[in-house]
Amino acid sequence: MAAKFNFMNYRSKIFIYSGLYALLAIFLARKLFFDYYYGELGLNQLPINYFEILLFALAVVTILITLITISRIVKRSNQPVSFKKRFNLLIPSFMGLIIIFLLFNTDRGELVVPVAILIYGLILLNLNRFVTSRLVIFGIIVLLLGIAAFFLTQSHWILLTLVFGILPILFGILIRLKPSKAS
């Protein structure tokens, strides 16, 4: 039974670290956004296209740091990760980044947050068969919040913080405390 707990332990770390990285990135993005909007630090001198690229680069760097952390955690856990598992995480993640980048380039920036949340929810549902059955519940909650983001346009920062930061941390703590029997 202890081996099962350790097996789940590395998965909980993945969710906790990814949530912490997301909270940091959201904080930095919000600070950049408000500095740009209010003219602080000279950021408002940047053309909007460059500023959007700066925000997109922050997202890409955060995802890369998260993926590097995930690979180190998995490597230390001595649990084999098949090509199929990697494929089911990386391909939807990078396709999601491409979709979000295209939304920026077509002046549909208001759709970035809802689409990002929906893509994250779909990735979670896709990973369900590899992680824990409780991931379905987490994925459905994220999908519902993604749909709500289309209507709650004034709450995008709150939804980003909740979906990418707080919920993964809480989910990581949950699976750390209560290892799943079906995995």
C-alpha atoms as a PDB file:
ATOM      1  CA  MET A   1       0.000   0.000   0.000  1.00  0.00           C
ATOM      2  CA  ALA A   2       2.906   2.360   0.732  1.00  0.00           C
ATOM      3  CA  ALA A   3       4.209   1.846  -2.804  1.00  0.00           C
ATOM      4  CA  LYS A   4       0.823   2.916  -4.146  1.00  0.00           C
ATOM      5  CA  PHE A   5       0.982   6.085  -2.044  1.00  0.00           C
ATOM      6  CA  ASN A   6       4.448   6.899  -3.396  1.00  0.00           C
ATOM      7  CA  PHE A   7       3.180   6.215  -6.918  1.00  0.00           C
ATOM      8  CA  MET A   8       0.462   8.809  -6.417  1.00  0.00           C
ATOM      9  CA  ASN A   9       2.884  11.106  -4.616  1.00  0.00           C
ATOM     10  CA  TYR A  10       4.713  12.102  -7.787  1.00  0.00           C
ATOM     11  CA  ARG A  11       1.405  12.806  -9.532  1.00  0.00           C
ATOM     12  CA  SER A  12       0.283  15.096  -6.746  1.00  0.00           C
ATOM     13  CA  LYS A  13       3.580  16.972  -6.972  1.00  0.00           C
ATOM     14  CA  ILE A  14       3.001  17.514 -10.681  1.00  0.00           C
ATOM     15  CA  PHE A  15      -0.366  19.180 -10.068  1.00  0.00           C
ATOM     16  CA  ILE A  16       0.906  21.222  -7.114  1.00  0.00           C
ATOM     17  CA  TYR A  17       3.981  22.526  -8.953  1.00  0.00           C
ATOM     18  CA  SER A  18       2.065  23.277 -12.141  1.00  0.00           C
ATOM     19  CA  GLY A  19      -0.496  25.212 -10.080  1.00  0.00           C
ATOM     20  CA  LEU A  20       2.229  27.196  -8.334  1.00  0.00           C
ATOM     21  CA  TYR A  21       3.948  28.025 -11.632  1.00  0.00           C
ATOM     22  CA  ALA A  22       0.609  29.083 -13.102  1.00  0.00           C
ATOM     23  CA  LEU A  23      -0.109  31.361 -10.141  1.00  0.00           C
ATOM     24  CA  LEU A  24       3.280  33.015 -10.568  1.00  0.00           C
ATOM     25  CA  ALA A  25       2.785  33.435 -14.338  1.00  0.00           C
ATOM     26  CA  ILE A  26      -0.734  34.834 -13.879  1.00  0.00           C
ATOM     27  CA  PHE A  27       0.589  37.303 -11.305  1.00  0.00           C
ATOM     28  CA  LEU A  28       3.340  38.421 -13.709  1.00  0.00           C
ATOM     29  CA  ALA A  29       0.919  38.636 -16.656  1.00  0.00           C
ATOM     30  CA  ARG A  30      -1.532  40.696 -14.633  1.00  0.00           C
ATOM     31  CA  LYS A  31       1.254  43.008 -13.505  1.00  0.00           C
ATOM     32  CA  LEU A  32       2.468  43.400 -17.108  1.00  0.00           C
ATOM     33  CA  PHE A  33      -1.083  44.010 -18.293  1.00  0.00           C
ATOM     34  CA  PHE A  34      -1.781  46.732 -15.741  1.00  0.00           C
ATOM     35  CA  ASP A  35       1.655  48.323 -16.202  1.00  0.00           C
ATOM     36  CA  TYR A  36       0.936  48.458 -19.935  1.00  0.00           C
ATOM     37  CA  TYR A  37      -2.565  49.812 -19.452  1.00  0.00           C
ATOM     38  CA  TYR A  38      -1.564  52.496 -16.918  1.00  0.00           C
ATOM     39  CA  GLY A  39       1.758  53.398 -18.559  1.00  0.00           C
ATOM     40  CA  GLU A  40       4.017  52.171 -15.789  1.00  0.00           C
ATOM     41  CA  LEU A  41       7.616  51.179 -16.521  1.00  0.00           C
ATOM     42  CA  GLY A  42       7.284  52.496 -20.064  1.00  0.00           C
ATOM     43  CA  LEU A  43       5.493  49.344 -21.213  1.00  0.00           C
ATOM     44  CA  ASN A  44       2.803  51.401 -22.907  1.00  0.00           C
ATOM     45  CA  GLN A  45       5.422  52.487 -25.434  1.00  0.00           C
ATOM     46  CA  LEU A  46       5.379  48.974 -26.906  1.00  0.00           C
ATOM     47  CA  PRO A  47       3.050  48.420 -29.849  1.00  0.00           C
ATOM     48  CA  ILE A  48       0.152  46.184 -28.834  1.00  0.00           C
ATOM     49  CA  ASN A  49       1.397  43.363 -31.085  1.00  0.00           C
ATOM     50  CA  TYR A  50       4.724  43.250 -29.249  1.00  0.00           C
ATOM     51  CA  PHE A  51       2.970  43.355 -25.919  1.00  0.00           C
ATOM     52  CA  GLU A  52       0.764  40.410 -26.931  1.00  0.00           C
ATOM     53  CA  ILE A  53       3.883  38.519 -28.017  1.00  0.00           C
ATOM     54  CA  LEU A  54       5.432  39.299 -24.614  1.00  0.00           C
ATOM     55  CA  LEU A  55       2.385  37.819 -22.846  1.00  0.00           C
ATOM     56  CA  PHE A  56       2.386  34.803 -25.169  1.00  0.00           C
ATOM     57  CA  ALA A  57       6.127  34.294 -24.512  1.00  0.00           C
ATOM     58  CA  LEU A  58       5.420  34.339 -20.773  1.00  0.00           C
ATOM     59  CA  ALA A  59       2.835  31.583 -21.290  1.00  0.00           C
ATOM     60  CA  VAL A  60       5.240  29.511 -23.405  1.00  0.00           C
ATOM     61  CA  VAL A  61       8.066  29.877 -20.860  1.00  0.00           C
ATOM     62  CA  THR A  62       5.708  28.882 -18.052  1.00  0.00           C
ATOM     63  CA  ILE A  63       4.577  25.798 -19.967  1.00  0.00           C
ATOM     64  CA  LEU A  64       8.176  24.837 -20.754  1.00  0.00           C
ATOM     65  CA  ILE A  65       9.242  25.243 -17.107  1.00  0.00           C
ATOM     66  CA  THR A  66       6.235  23.168 -16.064  1.00  0.00           C
ATOM     67  CA  LEU A  67       7.069  20.427 -18.594  1.00  0.00           C
ATOM     68  CA  ILE A  68      10.705  20.351 -17.464  1.00  0.00           C
ATOM     69  CA  THR A  69       9.577  20.085 -13.847  1.00  0.00           C
ATOM     70  CA  ILE A  70       7.138  17.298 -14.748  1.00  0.00           C
ATOM     71  CA  SER A  71       9.856  15.360 -16.548  1.00  0.00           C
ATOM     72  CA  ARG A  72      12.225  15.690 -13.562  1.00  0.00           C
ATOM     73  CA  ILE A  73       9.540  14.611 -11.088  1.00  0.00           C
ATOM     74  CA  VAL A  74       8.645  11.607 -13.231  1.00  0.00           C
ATOM     75  CA  LYS A  75      12.320  10.696 -13.705  1.00  0.00           C
ATOM     76  CA  ARG A  76      12.927  10.796  -9.943  1.00  0.00           C
ATOM     77  CA  SER A  77       9.846   8.664  -9.297  1.00  0.00           C
ATOM     78  CA  ASN A  78      11.315   5.762 -11.313  1.00  0.00           C
ATOM     79  CA  GLN A  79       7.926   5.307 -12.978  1.00  0.00           C
ATOM     80  CA  PRO A  80       8.135   4.654 -16.710  1.00  0.00           C
ATOM     81  CA  VAL A  81       6.274   7.147 -18.870  1.00  0.00           C
ATOM     82  CA  SER A  82       5.362   5.723 -22.223  1.00  0.00           C
ATOM     83  CA  PHE A  83       5.444   7.560 -25.522  1.00  0.00           C
ATOM     84  CA  LYS A  84       1.642   7.317 -25.571  1.00  0.00           C
ATOM     85  CA  LYS A  85       1.353   9.213 -22.283  1.00  0.00           C
ATOM     86  CA  ARG A  86       3.754  11.902 -23.460  1.00  0.00           C
ATOM     87  CA  PHE A  87       1.953  12.173 -26.783  1.00  0.00           C
ATOM     88  CA  ASN A  88      -1.418  12.563 -25.044  1.00  0.00           C
ATOM     89  CA  LEU A  89      -0.047  15.471 -23.025  1.00  0.00           C
ATOM     90  CA  LEU A  90       2.296  17.281 -25.381  1.00  0.00           C
ATOM     91  CA  ILE A  91       0.390  17.274 -28.673  1.00  0.00           C
ATOM     92  CA  PRO A  92      -2.858  18.760 -27.264  1.00  0.00           C
ATOM     93  CA  SER A  93      -0.819  21.265 -25.221  1.00  0.00           C
ATOM     94  CA  PHE A  94       1.130  22.548 -28.213  1.00  0.00           C
ATOM     95  CA  MET A  95      -1.952  22.539 -30.439  1.00  0.00           C
ATOM     96  CA  GLY A  96      -3.688  24.608 -27.776  1.00  0.00           C
ATOM     97  CA  LEU A  97      -0.813  27.087 -27.804  1.00  0.00           C
ATOM     98  CA  ILE A  98      -1.079  27.370 -31.588  1.00  0.00           C
ATOM     99  CA  ILE A  99      -4.848  27.971 -31.362  1.00  0.00           C
ATOM    100  CA  ILE A 100      -4.351  30.656 -28.708  1.00  0.00           C
ATOM    101  CA  PHE A 101      -1.609  32.311 -30.768  1.00  0.00           C
ATOM    102  CA  LEU A 102      -3.929  32.329 -33.793  1.00  0.00           C
ATOM    103  CA  LEU A 103      -6.664  33.926 -31.691  1.00  0.00           C
ATOM    104  CA  PHE A 104      -4.239  36.703 -30.771  1.00  0.00           C
ATOM    105  CA  ASN A 105      -3.316  37.226 -34.403  1.00  0.00           C
ATOM    106  CA  THR A 106      -6.933  37.425 -35.591  1.00  0.00           C
ATOM    107  CA  ASP A 107      -7.884  40.094 -33.046  1.00  0.00           C
ATOM    108  CA  ARG A 108     -10.041  37.650 -31.093  1.00  0.00           C
ATOM    109  CA  GLY A 109      -8.217  38.222 -27.807  1.00  0.00           C
ATOM    110  CA  GLU A 110     -11.449  38.079 -25.819  1.00  0.00           C
ATOM    111  CA  LEU A 111     -11.656  34.365 -26.639  1.00  0.00           C
ATOM    112  CA  VAL A 112      -8.177  33.496 -25.376  1.00  0.00           C
ATOM    113  CA  VAL A 113      -9.142  32.837 -21.745  1.00  0.00           C
ATOM    114  CA  PRO A 114     -12.279  30.750 -22.409  1.00  0.00           C
ATOM    115  CA  VAL A 115     -10.545  28.731 -25.135  1.00  0.00           C
ATOM    116  CA  ALA A 116      -7.444  28.178 -22.976  1.00  0.00           C
ATOM    117  CA  ILE A 117      -9.613  26.918 -20.117  1.00  0.00           C
ATOM    118  CA  LEU A 118     -11.593  24.633 -22.447  1.00  0.00           C
ATOM    119  CA  ILE A 119      -8.400  23.204 -23.968  1.00  0.00           C
ATOM    120  CA  TYR A 120      -7.019  22.561 -20.478  1.00  0.00           C
ATOM    121  CA  GLY A 121     -10.233  20.769 -19.501  1.00  0.00           C
ATOM    122  CA  LEU A 122     -10.062  18.604 -22.634  1.00  0.00           C
ATOM    123  CA  ILE A 123      -6.412  17.759 -21.918  1.00  0.00           C
ATOM    124  CA  LEU A 124      -7.382  16.713 -18.388  1.00  0.00           C
ATOM    125  CA  LEU A 125     -10.158  14.476 -19.713  1.00  0.00           C
ATOM    126  CA  ASN A 126      -7.725  13.006 -22.236  1.00  0.00           C
ATOM    127  CA  LEU A 127      -5.187  12.235 -19.480  1.00  0.00           C
ATOM    128  CA  ASN A 128      -7.853  10.631 -17.288  1.00  0.00           C
ATOM    129  CA  ARG A 129      -6.994   7.114 -18.418  1.00  0.00           C
ATOM    130  CA  PHE A 130      -3.353   7.580 -17.392  1.00  0.00           C
ATOM    131  CA  VAL A 131      -3.593   9.383 -14.067  1.00  0.00           C
ATOM    132  CA  THR A 132      -6.624   8.794 -11.845  1.00  0.00           C
ATOM    133  CA  SER A 133     -10.336   8.414 -12.358  1.00  0.00           C
ATOM    134  CA  ARG A 134     -10.898  11.536 -10.254  1.00  0.00           C
ATOM    135  CA  LEU A 135      -9.360  13.525 -13.080  1.00  0.00           C
ATOM    136  CA  VAL A 136     -12.692  13.221 -14.906  1.00  0.00           C
ATOM    137  CA  ILE A 137     -14.393  15.286 -12.201  1.00  0.00           C
ATOM    138  CA  PHE A 138     -11.581  17.840 -12.276  1.00  0.00           C
ATOM    139  CA  GLY A 139     -11.756  17.996 -16.088  1.00  0.00           C
ATOM    140  CA  ILE A 140     -15.533  18.482 -16.092  1.00  0.00           C
ATOM    141  CA  ILE A 141     -15.267  21.284 -13.517  1.00  0.00           C
ATOM    142  CA  VAL A 142     -12.645  22.980 -15.696  1.00  0.00           C
ATOM    143  CA  LEU A 143     -14.801  22.582 -18.817  1.00  0.00           C
ATOM    144  CA  LEU A 144     -17.790  24.115 -17.028  1.00  0.00           C
ATOM    145  CA  LEU A 145     -15.641  27.040 -15.890  1.00  0.00           C
ATOM    146  CA  GLY A 146     -14.407  27.398 -19.488  1.00  0.00           C
ATOM    147  CA  ILE A 147     -17.969  27.677 -20.719  1.00  0.00           C
ATOM    148  CA  ALA A 148     -18.723  30.176 -17.950  1.00  0.00           C
ATOM    149  CA  ALA A 149     -15.691  32.234 -19.050  1.00  0.00           C
ATOM    150  CA  PHE A 150     -17.471  33.023 -22.330  1.00  0.00           C
ATOM    151  CA  PHE A 151     -20.149  34.833 -20.332  1.00  0.00           C
ATOM    152  CA  LEU A 152     -18.128  36.172 -17.390  1.00  0.00           C
ATOM    153  CA  THR A 153     -15.856  38.439 -19.394  1.00  0.00           C
ATOM    154  CA  GLN A 154     -15.126  40.706 -16.430  1.00  0.00           C
ATOM    155  CA  SER A 155     -13.860  37.755 -14.363  1.00  0.00           C
ATOM    156  CA  HIS A 156     -11.157  36.355 -16.634  1.00  0.00           C
ATOM    157  CA  TRP A 157      -8.309  37.011 -14.172  1.00  0.00           C
ATOM    158  CA  ILE A 158     -10.228  35.281 -11.392  1.00  0.00           C
ATOM    159  CA  LEU A 159     -11.070  32.324 -13.626  1.00  0.00           C
ATOM    160  CA  LEU A 160      -7.450  32.012 -14.801  1.00  0.00           C
ATOM    161  CA  THR A 161      -6.233  32.026 -11.207  1.00  0.00           C
ATOM    162  CA  LEU A 162      -8.846  29.506 -10.159  1.00  0.00           C
ATOM    163  CA  VAL A 163      -8.526  27.077 -13.087  1.00  0.00           C
ATOM    164  CA  PHE A 164      -4.772  27.091 -13.684  1.00  0.00           C
ATOM    165  CA  GLY A 165      -3.547  27.856 -10.163  1.00  0.00           C
ATOM    166  CA  ILE A 166      -5.832  27.038  -7.267  1.00  0.00           C
ATOM    167  CA  LEU A 167      -7.715  23.997  -8.614  1.00  0.00           C
ATOM    168  CA  PRO A 168      -4.573  22.042  -9.652  1.00  0.00           C
ATOM    169  CA  ILE A 169      -3.019  22.703  -6.236  1.00  0.00           C
ATOM    170  CA  LEU A 170      -6.180  21.525  -4.470  1.00  0.00           C
ATOM    171  CA  PHE A 171      -6.415  18.494  -6.765  1.00  0.00           C
ATOM    172  CA  GLY A 172      -2.742  17.663  -6.076  1.00  0.00           C
ATOM    173  CA  ILE A 173      -3.351  17.861  -2.343  1.00  0.00           C
ATOM    174  CA  LEU A 174      -6.472  15.680  -2.722  1.00  0.00           C
ATOM    175  CA  ILE A 175      -4.672  12.900  -4.596  1.00  0.00           C
ATOM    176  CA  ARG A 176      -1.757  13.142  -2.164  1.00  0.00           C
ATOM    177  CA  LEU A 177      -4.069  12.612   0.799  1.00  0.00           C
ATOM    178  CA  LYS A 178      -6.320   9.989  -0.789  1.00  0.00           C
ATOM    179  CA  PRO A 179      -4.587   7.796  -3.364  1.00  0.00           C
ATOM    180  CA  SER A 180      -6.970   6.444  -5.984  1.00  0.00           C
ATOM    181  CA  LYS A 181      -7.700   2.691  -6.044  1.00  0.00           C
ATOM    182  CA  ALA A 182      -8.283   2.702  -9.810  1.00  0.00           C
ATOM    183  CA  SER A 183      -5.201   3.877 -11.590  1.00  0.00           C
END
